Amino acid sequence: MTYNGRATKSGNSQAMAFEKSLFRTHPEFATGRLSADYIGPGCLLVRTLPDAVPAAEEDDPILGAYLAFLEAEIAASPERMRPLSPGSLERARELVGHLYVDPNEDLGDGASID
């Protein structure tokens, strides 16, 4: 679902105003603290933050949003879930089977999943 909004001012601050249906459908955005993560040109990810617990620094907002999206899609349409076929698994093995991965390797602090 897409919700429309506009840039506005609130006192001396810049603000964003969204249509009321967003807050009726998702009341968690109506109160409390919010956080916005810049994703790319023209794109923000807005999420709620629990007031008592600050967001963990290692939490990935993009991965969290994607997993929440998958959870909602699975709950809404469980009949669309399909197991991986043997052919798909074999194709994956062909693509990466020659790579050695050490699950205990220390990737250091700068490692990230891209």
PDB file of N, CA and C in Angstrom:
ATOM      1  N   MET A   1       0.845  -1.180   0.000  1.00  0.00           N
ATOM      2  CA  MET A   1       0.000   0.000   0.000  1.00  0.00           C
ATOM      3  C   MET A   1       0.882   1.232   0.000  1.00  0.00           C
ATOM      4  N   THR A   2       0.567   2.187  -0.806  1.00  0.00           N
ATOM      5  CA  THR A   2       1.303   3.440  -0.875  1.00  0.00           C
ATOM      6  C   THR A   2       0.491   4.542  -0.208  1.00  0.00           C
ATOM      7  N   TYR A   3       1.162   5.361   0.589  1.00  0.00           N
ATOM      8  CA  TYR A   3       0.520   6.492   1.253  1.00  0.00           C
ATOM      9  C   TYR A   3       1.178   7.769   0.747  1.00  0.00           C
ATOM     10  N   ASN A   4       0.381   8.731   0.361  1.00  0.00           N
ATOM     11  CA  ASN A   4       0.899   9.987  -0.159  1.00  0.00           C
ATOM     12  C   ASN A   4       1.123  10.980   0.966  1.00  0.00           C
ATOM     13  N   GLY A   5       2.095  11.840   0.763  1.00  0.00           N
ATOM     14  CA  GLY A   5       2.413  12.861   1.742  1.00  0.00           C
ATOM     15  C   GLY A   5       3.027  14.060   1.055  1.00  0.00           C
ATOM     16  N   ARG A   6       3.488  15.006   1.870  1.00  0.00           N
ATOM     17  CA  ARG A   6       4.127  16.195   1.314  1.00  0.00           C
ATOM     18  C   ARG A   6       5.101  16.756   2.333  1.00  0.00           C
ATOM     19  N   ALA A   7       6.060  17.498   1.835  1.00  0.00           N
ATOM     20  CA  ALA A   7       6.990  18.200   2.715  1.00  0.00           C
ATOM     21  C   ALA A   7       6.274  19.425   3.270  1.00  0.00           C
ATOM     22  N   THR A   8       6.528  19.731   4.535  1.00  0.00           N
ATOM     23  CA  THR A   8       5.890  20.876   5.184  1.00  0.00           C
ATOM     24  C   THR A   8       6.825  21.387   6.269  1.00  0.00           C
ATOM     25  N   LYS A   9       6.362  22.340   7.064  1.00  0.00           N
ATOM     26  CA  LYS A   9       7.123  22.857   8.201  1.00  0.00           C
ATOM     27  C   LYS A   9       6.336  22.617   9.470  1.00  0.00           C
ATOM     28  N   SER A  10       7.062  22.390  10.544  1.00  0.00           N
ATOM     29  CA  SER A  10       6.470  22.273  11.867  1.00  0.00           C
ATOM     30  C   SER A  10       7.316  23.143  12.793  1.00  0.00           C
ATOM     31  N   GLY A  11       6.826  24.317  13.099  1.00  0.00           N
ATOM     32  CA  GLY A  11       7.632  25.264  13.854  1.00  0.00           C
ATOM     33  C   GLY A  11       8.811  25.702  13.012  1.00  0.00           C
ATOM     34  N   ASN A  12      10.019  25.545  13.545  1.00  0.00           N
ATOM     35  CA  ASN A  12      11.233  25.893  12.817  1.00  0.00           C
ATOM     36  C   ASN A  12      11.847  24.694  12.106  1.00  0.00           C
ATOM     37  N   SER A  13      11.169  23.566  12.124  1.00  0.00           N
ATOM     38  CA  SER A  13      11.712  22.340  11.547  1.00  0.00           C
ATOM     39  C   SER A  13      11.009  21.958  10.253  1.00  0.00           C
ATOM     40  N   GLN A  14      11.718  21.275   9.400  1.00  0.00           N
ATOM     41  CA  GLN A  14      11.103  20.659   8.233  1.00  0.00           C
ATOM     42  C   GLN A  14      10.359  19.414   8.720  1.00  0.00           C
ATOM     43  N   ALA A  15       9.278  19.060   8.041  1.00  0.00           N
ATOM     44  CA  ALA A  15       8.479  17.907   8.455  1.00  0.00           C
ATOM     45  C   ALA A  15       7.886  17.234   7.221  1.00  0.00           C
ATOM     46  N   MET A  16       7.310  16.074   7.433  1.00  0.00           N
ATOM     47  CA  MET A  16       6.583  15.363   6.393  1.00  0.00           C
ATOM     48  C   MET A  16       5.190  15.075   6.921  1.00  0.00           C
ATOM     49  N   ALA A  17       4.172  15.357   6.118  1.00  0.00           N
ATOM     50  CA  ALA A  17       2.784  15.096   6.493  1.00  0.00           C
ATOM     51  C   ALA A  17       2.239  14.035   5.544  1.00  0.00           C
ATOM     52  N   PHE A  18       1.567  13.036   6.104  1.00  0.00           N
ATOM     53  CA  PHE A  18       0.999  11.951   5.307  1.00  0.00           C
ATOM     54  C   PHE A  18      -0.505  11.913   5.493  1.00  0.00           C
ATOM     55  N   GLU A  19      -1.179  11.301   4.526  1.00  0.00           N
ATOM     56  CA  GLU A  19      -2.628  11.181   4.587  1.00  0.00           C
ATOM     57  C   GLU A  19      -3.042  10.394   5.831  1.00  0.00           C
ATOM     58  N   LYS A  20      -4.232  10.713   6.369  1.00  0.00           N
ATOM     59  CA  LYS A  20      -4.708  10.111   7.615  1.00  0.00           C
ATOM     60  C   LYS A  20      -4.856   8.602   7.533  1.00  0.00           C
ATOM     61  N   SER A  21      -5.106   8.080   6.352  1.00  0.00           N
ATOM     62  CA  SER A  21      -5.305   6.629   6.234  1.00  0.00           C
ATOM     63  C   SER A  21      -4.059   5.849   6.667  1.00  0.00           C
ATOM     64  N   LEU A  22      -2.873   6.436   6.509  1.00  0.00           N
ATOM     65  CA  LEU A  22      -1.654   5.779   6.993  1.00  0.00           C
ATOM     66  C   LEU A  22      -1.743   5.533   8.490  1.00  0.00           C
ATOM     67  N   PHE A  23      -2.160   6.547   9.229  1.00  0.00           N
ATOM     68  CA  PHE A  23      -2.191   6.462  10.684  1.00  0.00           C
ATOM     69  C   PHE A  23      -3.366   5.638  11.199  1.00  0.00           C
ATOM     70  N   ARG A  24      -4.455   5.591  10.422  1.00  0.00           N
ATOM     71  CA  ARG A  24      -5.570   4.715  10.803  1.00  0.00           C
ATOM     72  C   ARG A  24      -5.197   3.251  10.569  1.00  0.00           C
ATOM     73  N   THR A  25      -4.545   2.995   9.455  1.00  0.00           N
ATOM     74  CA  THR A  25      -4.169   1.623   9.111  1.00  0.00           C
ATOM     75  C   THR A  25      -2.989   1.132   9.945  1.00  0.00           C
ATOM     76  N   HIS A  26      -2.054   2.028  10.235  1.00  0.00           N
ATOM     77  CA  HIS A  26      -0.829   1.674  10.981  1.00  0.00           C
ATOM     78  C   HIS A  26      -0.646   2.661  12.132  1.00  0.00           C
ATOM     79  N   PRO A  27      -1.408   2.500  13.214  1.00  0.00           N
ATOM     80  CA  PRO A  27      -1.377   3.480  14.302  1.00  0.00           C
ATOM     81  C   PRO A  27      -0.021   3.586  15.003  1.00  0.00           C
ATOM     82  N   GLU A  28       0.856   2.626  14.817  1.00  0.00           N
ATOM     83  CA  GLU A  28       2.172   2.714  15.453  1.00  0.00           C
ATOM     84  C   GLU A  28       2.968   3.917  14.959  1.00  0.00           C
ATOM     85  N   PHE A  29       2.590   4.486  13.794  1.00  0.00           N
ATOM     86  CA  PHE A  29       3.285   5.662  13.279  1.00  0.00           C
ATOM     87  C   PHE A  29       2.687   6.965  13.792  1.00  0.00           C
ATOM     88  N   ALA A  30       1.558   6.896  14.476  1.00  0.00           N
ATOM     89  CA  ALA A  30       0.871   8.098  14.935  1.00  0.00           C
ATOM     90  C   ALA A  30       1.483   8.680  16.205  1.00  0.00           C
ATOM     91  N   THR A  31       2.142   7.863  16.996  1.00  0.00           N
ATOM     92  CA  THR A  31       2.733   8.339  18.246  1.00  0.00           C
ATOM     93  C   THR A  31       4.108   7.718  18.417  1.00  0.00           C
ATOM     94  N   GLY A  32       4.864   8.254  19.319  1.00  0.00           N
ATOM     95  CA  GLY A  32       6.175   7.697  19.610  1.00  0.00           C
ATOM     96  C   GLY A  32       7.258   8.248  18.705  1.00  0.00           C
ATOM     97  N   ARG A  33       8.411   7.643  18.809  1.00  0.00           N
ATOM     98  CA  ARG A  33       9.572   8.102  18.052  1.00  0.00           C
ATOM     99  C   ARG A  33       9.667   7.366  16.726  1.00  0.00           C
ATOM    100  N   LEU A  34      10.153   8.081  15.722  1.00  0.00           N
ATOM    101  CA  LEU A  34      10.344   7.509  14.398  1.00  0.00           C
ATOM    102  C   LEU A  34      11.802   7.686  13.993  1.00  0.00           C
ATOM    103  N   SER A  35      12.243   6.832  13.110  1.00  0.00           N
ATOM    104  CA  SER A  35      13.589   6.916  12.557  1.00  0.00           C
ATOM    105  C   SER A  35      13.474   6.769  11.045  1.00  0.00           C
ATOM    106  N   ALA A  36      14.263   7.546  10.310  1.00  0.00           N
ATOM    107  CA  ALA A  36      14.274   7.440   8.853  1.00  0.00           C
ATOM    108  C   ALA A  36      15.681   7.111   8.395  1.00  0.00           C
ATOM    109  N   ASP A  37      15.803   6.096   7.570  1.00  0.00           N
ATOM    110  CA  ASP A  37      17.090   5.703   7.005  1.00  0.00           C
ATOM    111  C   ASP A  37      17.083   6.024   5.516  1.00  0.00           C
ATOM    112  N   TYR A  38      18.117   6.716   5.067  1.00  0.00           N
ATOM    113  CA  TYR A  38      18.251   7.049   3.658  1.00  0.00           C
ATOM    114  C   TYR A  38      18.647   5.780   2.910  1.00  0.00           C
ATOM    115  N   ILE A  39      17.859   5.414   1.904  1.00  0.00           N
ATOM    116  CA  ILE A  39      18.132   4.206   1.128  1.00  0.00           C
ATOM    117  C   ILE A  39      18.826   4.561  -0.177  1.00  0.00           C
ATOM    118  N   GLY A  40      18.375   5.593  -0.828  1.00  0.00           N
ATOM    119  CA  GLY A  40      18.946   6.022  -2.097  1.00  0.00           C
ATOM    120  C   GLY A  40      18.211   7.261  -2.563  1.00  0.00           C
ATOM    121  N   PRO A  41      18.585   7.787  -3.721  1.00  0.00           N
ATOM    122  CA  PRO A  41      17.945   9.015  -4.198  1.00  0.00           C
ATOM    123  C   PRO A  41      16.421   8.912  -4.193  1.00  0.00           C
ATOM    124  N   GLY A  42      15.797   9.812  -3.458  1.00  0.00           N
ATOM    125  CA  GLY A  42      14.348   9.870  -3.404  1.00  0.00           C
ATOM    126  C   GLY A  42      13.686   8.782  -2.586  1.00  0.00           C
ATOM    127  N   CYS A  43      14.437   8.074  -1.738  1.00  0.00           N
ATOM    128  CA  CYS A  43      13.853   6.939  -1.020  1.00  0.00           C
ATOM    129  C   CYS A  43      14.323   6.890   0.437  1.00  0.00           C
ATOM    130  N   LEU A  44      13.356   6.887   1.354  1.00  0.00           N
ATOM    131  CA  LEU A  44      13.614   6.741   2.790  1.00  0.00           C
ATOM    132  C   LEU A  44      12.864   5.527   3.316  1.00  0.00           C
ATOM    133  N   LEU A  45      13.418   4.907   4.335  1.00  0.00           N
ATOM    134  CA  LEU A  45      12.723   3.861   5.073  1.00  0.00           C
ATOM    135  C   LEU A  45      12.391   4.461   6.431  1.00  0.00           C
ATOM    136  N   VAL A  46      11.100   4.610   6.727  1.00  0.00           N
ATOM    137  CA  VAL A  46      10.660   5.181   7.998  1.00  0.00           C
ATOM    138  C   VAL A  46      10.175   4.038   8.876  1.00  0.00           C
ATOM    139  N   ARG A  47      10.632   4.013  10.124  1.00  0.00           N
ATOM    140  CA  ARG A  47      10.227   2.959  11.049  1.00  0.00           C
ATOM    141  C   ARG A  47      10.007   3.544  12.430  1.00  0.00           C
ATOM    142  N   THR A  48       9.251   2.817  13.236  1.00  0.00           N
ATOM    143  CA  THR A  48       9.007   3.250  14.604  1.00  0.00           C
ATOM    144  C   THR A  48      10.137   2.748  15.480  1.00  0.00           C
ATOM    145  N   LEU A  49      10.404   3.482  16.529  1.00  0.00           N
ATOM    146  CA  LEU A  49      11.400   3.071  17.509  1.00  0.00           C
ATOM    147  C   LEU A  49      10.720   2.951  18.863  1.00  0.00           C
ATOM    148  N   PRO A  50      10.960   1.856  19.568  1.00  0.00           N
ATOM    149  CA  PRO A  50      10.412   1.766  20.932  1.00  0.00           C
ATOM    150  C   PRO A  50      11.050   2.850  21.793  1.00  0.00           C
ATOM    151  N   ASP A  51      10.236   3.551  22.572  1.00  0.00           N
ATOM    152  CA  ASP A  51      10.762   4.631  23.409  1.00  0.00           C
ATOM    153  C   ASP A  51      11.724   4.145  24.468  1.00  0.00           C
ATOM    154  N   ALA A  52      11.484   2.960  25.010  1.00  0.00           N
ATOM    155  CA  ALA A  52      12.306   2.486  26.120  1.00  0.00           C
ATOM    156  C   ALA A  52      13.620   1.864  25.657  1.00  0.00           C
ATOM    157  N   VAL A  53      13.650   1.347  24.446  1.00  0.00           N
ATOM    158  CA  VAL A  53      14.836   0.625  23.981  1.00  0.00           C
ATOM    159  C   VAL A  53      15.328   1.251  22.687  1.00  0.00           C
ATOM    160  N   PRO A  54      16.531   1.861  22.699  1.00  0.00           N
ATOM    161  CA  PRO A  54      17.055   2.411  21.449  1.00  0.00           C
ATOM    162  C   PRO A  54      17.370   1.291  20.465  1.00  0.00           C
ATOM    163  N   ALA A  55      17.285   1.586  19.184  1.00  0.00           N
ATOM    164  CA  ALA A  55      17.579   0.590  18.162  1.00  0.00           C
ATOM    165  C   ALA A  55      19.030   0.142  18.287  1.00  0.00           C
ATOM    166  N   ALA A  56      19.250  -1.154  18.165  1.00  0.00           N
ATOM    167  CA  ALA A  56      20.610  -1.689  18.232  1.00  0.00           C
ATOM    168  C   ALA A  56      21.396  -1.194  17.025  1.00  0.00           C
ATOM    169  N   GLU A  57      22.641  -0.846  17.262  1.00  0.00           N
ATOM    170  CA  GLU A  57      23.474  -0.305  16.195  1.00  0.00           C
ATOM    171  C   GLU A  57      23.676  -1.308  15.075  1.00  0.00           C
ATOM    172  N   GLU A  58      23.686  -2.601  15.414  1.00  0.00           N
ATOM    173  CA  GLU A  58      23.938  -3.609  14.397  1.00  0.00           C
ATOM    174  C   GLU A  58      22.686  -4.028  13.623  1.00  0.00           C
ATOM    175  N   ASP A  59      21.509  -3.553  14.033  1.00  0.00           N
ATOM    176  CA  ASP A  59      20.290  -3.870  13.292  1.00  0.00           C
ATOM    177  C   ASP A  59      20.360  -3.247  11.906  1.00  0.00           C
ATOM    178  N   ASP A  60      20.026  -4.020  10.910  1.00  0.00           N
ATOM    179  CA  ASP A  60      20.003  -3.529   9.536  1.00  0.00           C
ATOM    180  C   ASP A  60      18.561  -3.185   9.186  1.00  0.00           C
ATOM    181  N   PRO A  61      18.223  -1.910   9.043  1.00  0.00           N
ATOM    182  CA  PRO A  61      16.825  -1.540   8.798  1.00  0.00           C
ATOM    183  C   PRO A  61      16.304  -2.079   7.467  1.00  0.00           C
ATOM    184  N   ILE A  62      17.149  -2.198   6.477  1.00  0.00           N
ATOM    185  CA  ILE A  62      16.704  -2.692   5.172  1.00  0.00           C
ATOM    186  C   ILE A  62      16.366  -4.173   5.269  1.00  0.00           C
ATOM    187  N   LEU A  63      17.255  -4.946   5.899  1.00  0.00           N
ATOM    188  CA  LEU A  63      16.994  -6.369   6.064  1.00  0.00           C
ATOM    189  C   LEU A  63      15.755  -6.579   6.933  1.00  0.00           C
ATOM    190  N   GLY A  64      15.630  -5.805   7.997  1.00  0.00           N
ATOM    191  CA  GLY A  64      14.451  -5.918   8.862  1.00  0.00           C
ATOM    192  C   GLY A  64      13.159  -5.615   8.125  1.00  0.00           C
ATOM    193  N   ALA A  65      13.180  -4.566   7.298  1.00  0.00           N
ATOM    194  CA  ALA A  65      11.986  -4.224   6.519  1.00  0.00           C
ATOM    195  C   ALA A  65      11.669  -5.316   5.507  1.00  0.00           C
ATOM    196  N   TYR A  66      12.696  -5.874   4.881  1.00  0.00           N
ATOM    197  CA  TYR A  66      12.479  -6.937   3.895  1.00  0.00           C
ATOM    198  C   TYR A  66      11.900  -8.187   4.568  1.00  0.00           C
ATOM    199  N   LEU A  67      12.444  -8.547   5.727  1.00  0.00           N
ATOM    200  CA  LEU A  67      11.926  -9.718   6.436  1.00  0.00           C
ATOM    201  C   LEU A  67      10.487  -9.496   6.907  1.00  0.00           C
ATOM    202  N   ALA A  68      10.178  -8.281   7.336  1.00  0.00           N
ATOM    203  CA  ALA A  68       8.800  -7.972   7.731  1.00  0.00           C
ATOM    204  C   ALA A  68       7.866  -8.057   6.523  1.00  0.00           C
ATOM    205  N   PHE A  69       8.339  -7.586   5.366  1.00  0.00           N
ATOM    206  CA  PHE A  69       7.561  -7.694   4.134  1.00  0.00           C
ATOM    207  C   PHE A  69       7.305  -9.161   3.799  1.00  0.00           C
ATOM    208  N   LEU A  70       8.347  -9.992   3.861  1.00  0.00           N
ATOM    209  CA  LEU A  70       8.179 -11.414   3.573  1.00  0.00           C
ATOM    210  C   LEU A  70       7.198 -12.062   4.542  1.00  0.00           C
ATOM    211  N   GLU A  71       7.310 -11.718   5.818  1.00  0.00           N
ATOM    212  CA  GLU A  71       6.404 -12.275   6.817  1.00  0.00           C
ATOM    213  C   GLU A  71       4.946 -11.933   6.486  1.00  0.00           C
ATOM    214  N   ALA A  72       4.712 -10.674   6.117  1.00  0.00           N
ATOM    215  CA  ALA A  72       3.350 -10.255   5.782  1.00  0.00           C
ATOM    216  C   ALA A  72       2.846 -10.957   4.519  1.00  0.00           C
ATOM    217  N   GLU A  73       3.708 -11.107   3.519  1.00  0.00           N
ATOM    218  CA  GLU A  73       3.317 -11.777   2.278  1.00  0.00           C
ATOM    219  C   GLU A  73       3.004 -13.258   2.526  1.00  0.00           C
ATOM    220  N   ILE A  74       3.806 -13.908   3.341  1.00  0.00           N
ATOM    221  CA  ILE A  74       3.574 -15.326   3.649  1.00  0.00           C
ATOM    222  C   ILE A  74       2.275 -15.488   4.420  1.00  0.00           C
ATOM    223  N   ALA A  75       2.022 -14.577   5.373  1.00  0.00           N
ATOM    224  CA  ALA A  75       0.787 -14.659   6.156  1.00  0.00           C
ATOM    225  C   ALA A  75      -0.442 -14.387   5.274  1.00  0.00           C
ATOM    226  N   ALA A  76      -0.315 -13.454   4.334  1.00  0.00           N
ATOM    227  CA  ALA A  76      -1.450 -13.083   3.488  1.00  0.00           C
ATOM    228  C   ALA A  76      -1.735 -14.124   2.403  1.00  0.00           C
ATOM    229  N   SER A  77      -0.689 -14.782   1.901  1.00  0.00           N
ATOM    230  CA  SER A  77      -0.869 -15.724   0.782  1.00  0.00           C
ATOM    231  C   SER A  77      -0.018 -16.976   0.974  1.00  0.00           C
ATOM    232  N   PRO A  78      -0.288 -17.776   1.997  1.00  0.00           N
ATOM    233  CA  PRO A  78       0.552 -18.956   2.234  1.00  0.00           C
ATOM    234  C   PRO A  78       0.515 -19.950   1.073  1.00  0.00           C
ATOM    235  N   GLU A  79      -0.563 -19.925   0.283  1.00  0.00           N
ATOM    236  CA  GLU A  79      -0.665 -20.856  -0.839  1.00  0.00           C
ATOM    237  C   GLU A  79       0.368 -20.574  -1.929  1.00  0.00           C
ATOM    238  N   ARG A  80       0.975 -19.386  -1.914  1.00  0.00           N
ATOM    239  CA  ARG A  80       1.983 -19.046  -2.917  1.00  0.00           C
ATOM    240  C   ARG A  80       3.368 -19.577  -2.563  1.00  0.00           C
ATOM    241  N   MET A  81       3.530 -20.097  -1.362  1.00  0.00           N
ATOM    242  CA  MET A  81       4.829 -20.631  -0.936  1.00  0.00           C
ATOM    243  C   MET A  81       5.105 -21.935  -1.680  1.00  0.00           C
ATOM    244  N   ARG A  82       6.312 -22.060  -2.192  1.00  0.00           N
ATOM    245  CA  ARG A  82       6.728 -23.257  -2.911  1.00  0.00           C
ATOM    246  C   ARG A  82       8.120 -23.650  -2.438  1.00  0.00           C
ATOM    247  N   PRO A  83       8.354 -24.940  -2.250  1.00  0.00           N
ATOM    248  CA  PRO A  83       9.713 -25.358  -1.892  1.00  0.00           C
ATOM    249  C   PRO A  83      10.638 -25.208  -3.097  1.00  0.00           C
ATOM    250  N   LEU A  84      11.922 -25.093  -2.818  1.00  0.00           N
ATOM    251  CA  LEU A  84      12.893 -25.064  -3.907  1.00  0.00           C
ATOM    252  C   LEU A  84      12.861 -26.395  -4.625  1.00  0.00           C
ATOM    253  N   SER A  85      12.894 -26.349  -5.933  1.00  0.00           N
ATOM    254  CA  SER A  85      12.893 -27.591  -6.705  1.00  0.00           C
ATOM    255  C   SER A  85      14.305 -28.172  -6.731  1.00  0.00           C
ATOM    256  N   PRO A  86      14.434 -29.485  -6.940  1.00  0.00           N
ATOM    257  CA  PRO A  86      15.770 -30.071  -7.070  1.00  0.00           C
ATOM    258  C   PRO A  86      16.572 -29.392  -8.181  1.00  0.00           C
ATOM    259  N   GLY A  87      15.896 -28.970  -9.246  1.00  0.00           N
ATOM    260  CA  GLY A  87      16.594 -28.282 -10.331  1.00  0.00           C
ATOM    261  C   GLY A  87      17.167 -26.945  -9.891  1.00  0.00           C
ATOM    262  N   SER A  88      16.426 -26.203  -9.074  1.00  0.00           N
ATOM    263  CA  SER A  88      16.913 -24.918  -8.572  1.00  0.00           C
ATOM    264  C   SER A  88      18.114 -25.109  -7.656  1.00  0.00           C
ATOM    265  N   LEU A  89      18.050 -26.118  -6.812  1.00  0.00           N
ATOM    266  CA  LEU A  89      19.174 -26.392  -5.918  1.00  0.00           C
ATOM    267  C   LEU A  89      20.412 -26.811  -6.703  1.00  0.00           C
ATOM    268  N   GLU A  90      20.220 -27.606  -7.729  1.00  0.00           N
ATOM    269  CA  GLU A  90      21.348 -28.040  -8.551  1.00  0.00           C
ATOM    270  C   GLU A  90      21.966 -26.855  -9.281  1.00  0.00           C
ATOM    271  N   ARG A  91      21.144 -25.964  -9.789  1.00  0.00           N
ATOM    272  CA  ARG A  91      21.649 -24.771 -10.475  1.00  0.00           C
ATOM    273  C   ARG A  91      22.458 -23.913  -9.510  1.00  0.00           C
ATOM    274  N   ALA A  92      22.001 -23.769  -8.283  1.00  0.00           N
ATOM    275  CA  ALA A  92      22.746 -23.003  -7.277  1.00  0.00           C
ATOM    276  C   ALA A  92      24.092 -23.663  -6.999  1.00  0.00           C
ATOM    277  N   ARG A  93      24.119 -24.980  -6.900  1.00  0.00           N
ATOM    278  CA  ARG A  93      25.389 -25.697  -6.688  1.00  0.00           C
ATOM    279  C   ARG A  93      26.346 -25.478  -7.856  1.00  0.00           C
ATOM    280  N   GLU A  94      25.826 -25.468  -9.068  1.00  0.00           N
ATOM    281  CA  GLU A  94      26.669 -25.229 -10.247  1.00  0.00           C
ATOM    282  C   GLU A  94      27.293 -23.836 -10.194  1.00  0.00           C
ATOM    283  N   LEU A  95      26.538 -22.857  -9.715  1.00  0.00           N
ATOM    284  CA  LEU A  95      27.019 -21.483  -9.687  1.00  0.00           C
ATOM    285  C   LEU A  95      28.068 -21.240  -8.608  1.00  0.00           C
ATOM    286  N   VAL A  96      27.926 -21.873  -7.450  1.00  0.00           N
ATOM    287  CA  VAL A  96      28.815 -21.561  -6.324  1.00  0.00           C
ATOM    288  C   VAL A  96      29.520 -22.783  -5.750  1.00  0.00           C
ATOM    289  N   GLY A  97      29.295 -23.944  -6.333  1.00  0.00           N
ATOM    290  CA  GLY A  97      29.858 -25.175  -5.779  1.00  0.00           C
ATOM    291  C   GLY A  97      31.376 -25.199  -5.715  1.00  0.00           C
ATOM    292  N   HIS A  98      32.036 -24.438  -6.570  1.00  0.00           N
ATOM    293  CA  HIS A  98      33.492 -24.421  -6.594  1.00  0.00           C
ATOM    294  C   HIS A  98      34.088 -23.499  -5.524  1.00  0.00           C
ATOM    295  N   LEU A  99      33.253 -22.721  -4.843  1.00  0.00           N
ATOM    296  CA  LEU A  99      33.735 -21.789  -3.829  1.00  0.00           C
ATOM    297  C   LEU A  99      33.860 -22.476  -2.479  1.00  0.00           C
ATOM    298  N   TYR A 100      34.965 -22.206  -1.783  1.00  0.00           N
ATOM    299  CA  TYR A 100      35.140 -22.733  -0.439  1.00  0.00           C
ATOM    300  C   TYR A 100      34.742 -21.644   0.554  1.00  0.00           C
ATOM    301  N   VAL A 101      33.920 -21.995   1.509  1.00  0.00           N
ATOM    302  CA  VAL A 101      33.492 -21.062   2.543  1.00  0.00           C
ATOM    303  C   VAL A 101      33.828 -21.657   3.891  1.00  0.00           C
ATOM    304  N   ASP A 102      34.579 -20.902   4.691  1.00  0.00           N
ATOM    305  CA  ASP A 102      34.898 -21.318   6.054  1.00  0.00           C
ATOM    306  C   ASP A 102      33.920 -20.605   6.984  1.00  0.00           C
ATOM    307  N   PRO A 103      32.954 -21.321   7.560  1.00  0.00           N
ATOM    308  CA  PRO A 103      31.962 -20.656   8.408  1.00  0.00           C
ATOM    309  C   PRO A 103      32.558 -20.050   9.673  1.00  0.00           C
ATOM    310  N   ASN A 104      33.779 -20.420  10.018  1.00  0.00           N
ATOM    311  CA  ASN A 104      34.424 -19.884  11.224  1.00  0.00           C
ATOM    312  C   ASN A 104      35.389 -18.744  10.915  1.00  0.00           C
ATOM    313  N   GLU A 105      35.519 -18.351   9.665  1.00  0.00           N
ATOM    314  CA  GLU A 105      36.450 -17.292   9.289  1.00  0.00           C
ATOM    315  C   GLU A 105      36.005 -15.957   9.884  1.00  0.00           C
ATOM    316  N   ASP A 106      36.950 -15.247  10.498  1.00  0.00           N
ATOM    317  CA  ASP A 106      36.675 -13.913  11.038  1.00  0.00           C
ATOM    318  C   ASP A 106      36.760 -12.915   9.898  1.00  0.00           C
ATOM    319  N   LEU A 107      35.655 -12.273   9.576  1.00  0.00           N
ATOM    320  CA  LEU A 107      35.607 -11.339   8.468  1.00  0.00           C
ATOM    321  C   LEU A 107      35.978  -9.920   8.892  1.00  0.00           C
ATOM    322  N   GLY A 108      36.197  -9.693  10.171  1.00  0.00           N
ATOM    323  CA  GLY A 108      36.583  -8.380  10.650  1.00  0.00           C
ATOM    324  C   GLY A 108      35.387  -7.455  10.815  1.00  0.00           C
ATOM    325  N   ASP A 109      35.658  -6.270  11.328  1.00  0.00           N
ATOM    326  CA  ASP A 109      34.584  -5.316  11.620  1.00  0.00           C
ATOM    327  C   ASP A 109      34.003  -4.655  10.382  1.00  0.00           C
ATOM    328  N   GLY A 110      34.762  -4.596   9.298  1.00  0.00           N
ATOM    329  CA  GLY A 110      34.300  -3.893   8.110  1.00  0.00           C
ATOM    330  C   GLY A 110      33.481  -4.743   7.170  1.00  0.00           C
ATOM    331  N   ALA A 111      33.296  -6.016   7.498  1.00  0.00           N
ATOM    332  CA  ALA A 111      32.555  -6.914   6.607  1.00  0.00           C
ATOM    333  C   ALA A 111      31.078  -6.593   6.618  1.00  0.00           C
ATOM    334  N   SER A 112      30.457  -6.650   5.451  1.00  0.00           N
ATOM    335  CA  SER A 112      29.024  -6.443   5.360  1.00  0.00           C
ATOM    336  C   SER A 112      28.470  -7.331   4.247  1.00  0.00           C
ATOM    337  N   ILE A 113      27.187  -7.571   4.317  1.00  0.00           N
ATOM    338  CA  ILE A 113      26.512  -8.346   3.270  1.00  0.00           C
ATOM    339  C   ILE A 113      25.948  -7.341   2.291  1.00  0.00           C
ATOM    340  N   ASP A 114      26.401  -7.383   1.062  1.00  0.00           N
ATOM    341  CA  ASP A 114      25.924  -6.429   0.037  1.00  0.00           C
ATOM    342  C   ASP A 114      25.023  -7.109  -0.938  1.00  0.00           C
TER     343      ASP A 114
END
